[in-house]
């Protein structure tokens, strides 16, 4: 199995979550005595959001760049959802 250590994405929590899912697949296959996949499909990120100061932000959602308050508000909402969403 060849591991590619370079990725076309910058480090982010979204990327780490996608990589963790791939690691789980490999561990489950090895645990069951099966051969792990030789390749994985490319990781697709849903978007990038960041904040600049207290009121402004930046983002890239569906290949469309965003700046201003909207990406800041989106990021705040996503962080709130991760903190308080319990899966039901």
C-alpha atoms as a PDB file:
ATOM      1  CA  UNK A   1       0.000   0.000   0.000  1.00  0.00           C
ATOM      2  CA  UNK A   2       1.460   3.325  -1.090  1.00  0.00           C
ATOM      3  CA  UNK A   3       0.732   6.330   1.105  1.00  0.00           C
ATOM      4  CA  UNK A   4       0.838   9.776  -0.422  1.00  0.00           C
ATOM      5  CA  UNK A   5       1.993  12.194   2.259  1.00  0.00           C
ATOM      6  CA  UNK A   6       1.312  15.349   0.260  1.00  0.00           C
ATOM      7  CA  UNK A   7      -2.260  16.537  -0.056  1.00  0.00           C
ATOM      8  CA  UNK A   8      -3.712  19.216  -2.320  1.00  0.00           C
ATOM      9  CA  UNK A   9      -5.508  20.777   0.678  1.00  0.00           C
ATOM     10  CA  UNK A  10      -4.342  22.992   3.489  1.00  0.00           C
ATOM     11  CA  UNK A  11      -4.653  21.575   7.021  1.00  0.00           C
ATOM     12  CA  UNK A  12      -8.143  21.922   8.481  1.00  0.00           C
ATOM     13  CA  UNK A  13     -10.559  20.150  10.806  1.00  0.00           C
ATOM     14  CA  UNK A  14     -12.633  19.085   7.815  1.00  0.00           C
ATOM     15  CA  UNK A  15      -9.604  17.445   6.201  1.00  0.00           C
ATOM     16  CA  UNK A  16      -8.627  15.756   9.476  1.00  0.00           C
ATOM     17  CA  UNK A  17     -12.126  14.289   9.784  1.00  0.00           C
ATOM     18  CA  UNK A  18     -11.983  12.888   6.234  1.00  0.00           C
ATOM     19  CA  UNK A  19      -8.533  11.381   6.866  1.00  0.00           C
ATOM     20  CA  UNK A  20      -9.761   9.853  10.134  1.00  0.00           C
ATOM     21  CA  UNK A  21     -12.560   8.092   8.251  1.00  0.00           C
ATOM     22  CA  UNK A  22      -9.984   6.581   5.883  1.00  0.00           C
ATOM     23  CA  UNK A  23      -7.858   5.424   8.827  1.00  0.00           C
ATOM     24  CA  UNK A  24     -10.917   3.777  10.381  1.00  0.00           C
ATOM     25  CA  UNK A  25     -11.557   1.877   7.141  1.00  0.00           C
ATOM     26  CA  UNK A  26      -7.979   0.559   7.108  1.00  0.00           C
ATOM     27  CA  UNK A  27      -8.099  -0.463  10.777  1.00  0.00           C
ATOM     28  CA  UNK A  28     -11.451  -2.229  10.372  1.00  0.00           C
ATOM     29  CA  UNK A  29     -10.185  -4.177   7.353  1.00  0.00           C
ATOM     30  CA  UNK A  30      -7.023  -5.239   9.191  1.00  0.00           C
ATOM     31  CA  UNK A  31      -9.020  -6.160  12.305  1.00  0.00           C
ATOM     32  CA  UNK A  32     -11.194  -8.472  10.182  1.00  0.00           C
ATOM     33  CA  UNK A  33      -8.139 -10.002   8.479  1.00  0.00           C
ATOM     34  CA  UNK A  34      -8.959  -8.415   5.121  1.00  0.00           C
ATOM     35  CA  UNK A  35      -6.664  -6.531   2.780  1.00  0.00           C
ATOM     36  CA  UNK A  36      -6.970  -2.746   3.190  1.00  0.00           C
ATOM     37  CA  UNK A  37      -7.835  -0.692   0.092  1.00  0.00           C
ATOM     38  CA  UNK A  38      -4.844   0.120  -2.094  1.00  0.00           C
ATOM     39  CA  UNK A  39      -6.271   3.550  -2.968  1.00  0.00           C
ATOM     40  CA  UNK A  40      -8.894   5.885  -1.615  1.00  0.00           C
ATOM     41  CA  UNK A  41     -11.078   8.239  -3.623  1.00  0.00           C
ATOM     42  CA  UNK A  42      -9.880  11.855  -3.564  1.00  0.00           C
ATOM     43  CA  UNK A  43     -11.003  13.858  -0.549  1.00  0.00           C
ATOM     44  CA  UNK A  44     -13.530  16.564  -1.413  1.00  0.00           C
ATOM     45  CA  UNK A  45     -13.844  19.437   1.018  1.00  0.00           C
ATOM     46  CA  UNK A  46     -17.178  21.219   1.351  1.00  0.00           C
ATOM     47  CA  UNK A  47     -15.706  24.674   1.739  1.00  0.00           C
ATOM     48  CA  UNK A  48     -13.322  26.848   3.700  1.00  0.00           C
ATOM     49  CA  UNK A  49     -14.409  29.483   6.220  1.00  0.00           C
ATOM     50  CA  UNK A  50     -12.275  31.818   8.292  1.00  0.00           C
ATOM     51  CA  UNK A  51     -12.596  34.999  10.284  1.00  0.00           C
ATOM     52  CA  UNK A  52     -10.747  38.291  10.165  1.00  0.00           C
ATOM     53  CA  UNK A  53     -11.207  40.427  13.242  1.00  0.00           C
ATOM     54  CA  UNK A  54     -14.559  40.774  14.990  1.00  0.00           C
ATOM     55  CA  UNK A  55     -16.880  41.449  12.067  1.00  0.00           C
ATOM     56  CA  UNK A  56     -15.344  40.232   8.822  1.00  0.00           C
ATOM     57  CA  UNK A  57     -14.584  36.831   7.393  1.00  0.00           C
ATOM     58  CA  UNK A  58     -13.567  34.993   4.268  1.00  0.00           C
ATOM     59  CA  UNK A  59     -14.591  31.774   2.676  1.00  0.00           C
ATOM     60  CA  UNK A  60     -14.654  29.516  -0.326  1.00  0.00           C
ATOM     61  CA  UNK A  61     -17.951  27.683  -0.736  1.00  0.00           C
ATOM     62  CA  UNK A  62     -18.728  25.692  -3.896  1.00  0.00           C
ATOM     63  CA  UNK A  63     -15.746  27.320  -5.662  1.00  0.00           C
ATOM     64  CA  UNK A  64     -17.200  30.775  -4.978  1.00  0.00           C
ATOM     65  CA  UNK A  65     -15.127  33.206  -2.885  1.00  0.00           C
ATOM     66  CA  UNK A  66     -16.933  35.057  -0.091  1.00  0.00           C
ATOM     67  CA  UNK A  67     -15.814  38.006   2.031  1.00  0.00           C
ATOM     68  CA  UNK A  68     -17.486  40.150   4.653  1.00  0.00           C
ATOM     69  CA  UNK A  69     -19.981  39.318   7.372  1.00  0.00           C
ATOM     70  CA  UNK A  70     -21.702  36.373   5.670  1.00  0.00           C
ATOM     71  CA  UNK A  71     -18.772  33.923   5.919  1.00  0.00           C
ATOM     72  CA  UNK A  72     -18.174  35.033   9.519  1.00  0.00           C
ATOM     73  CA  UNK A  73     -21.827  34.298  10.331  1.00  0.00           C
ATOM     74  CA  UNK A  74     -21.660  30.934   8.538  1.00  0.00           C
ATOM     75  CA  UNK A  75     -18.543  29.945  10.469  1.00  0.00           C
ATOM     76  CA  UNK A  76     -20.147  30.913  13.785  1.00  0.00           C
ATOM     77  CA  UNK A  77     -23.218  28.837  12.922  1.00  0.00           C
ATOM     78  CA  UNK A  78     -21.169  25.799  11.967  1.00  0.00           C
ATOM     79  CA  UNK A  79     -19.093  25.996  15.150  1.00  0.00           C
ATOM     80  CA  UNK A  80     -22.299  26.346  17.214  1.00  0.00           C
ATOM     81  CA  UNK A  81     -23.803  23.306  15.460  1.00  0.00           C
ATOM     82  CA  UNK A  82     -20.726  21.150  16.179  1.00  0.00           C
ATOM     83  CA  UNK A  83     -20.792  22.196  19.830  1.00  0.00           C
ATOM     84  CA  UNK A  84     -24.502  21.682  20.538  1.00  0.00           C
ATOM     85  CA  UNK A  85     -25.728  19.111  17.999  1.00  0.00           C
ATOM     86  CA  UNK A  86     -26.134  15.706  19.632  1.00  0.00           C
ATOM     87  CA  UNK A  87     -27.053  13.584  16.600  1.00  0.00           C
ATOM     88  CA  UNK A  88     -30.828  13.555  16.973  1.00  0.00           C
END
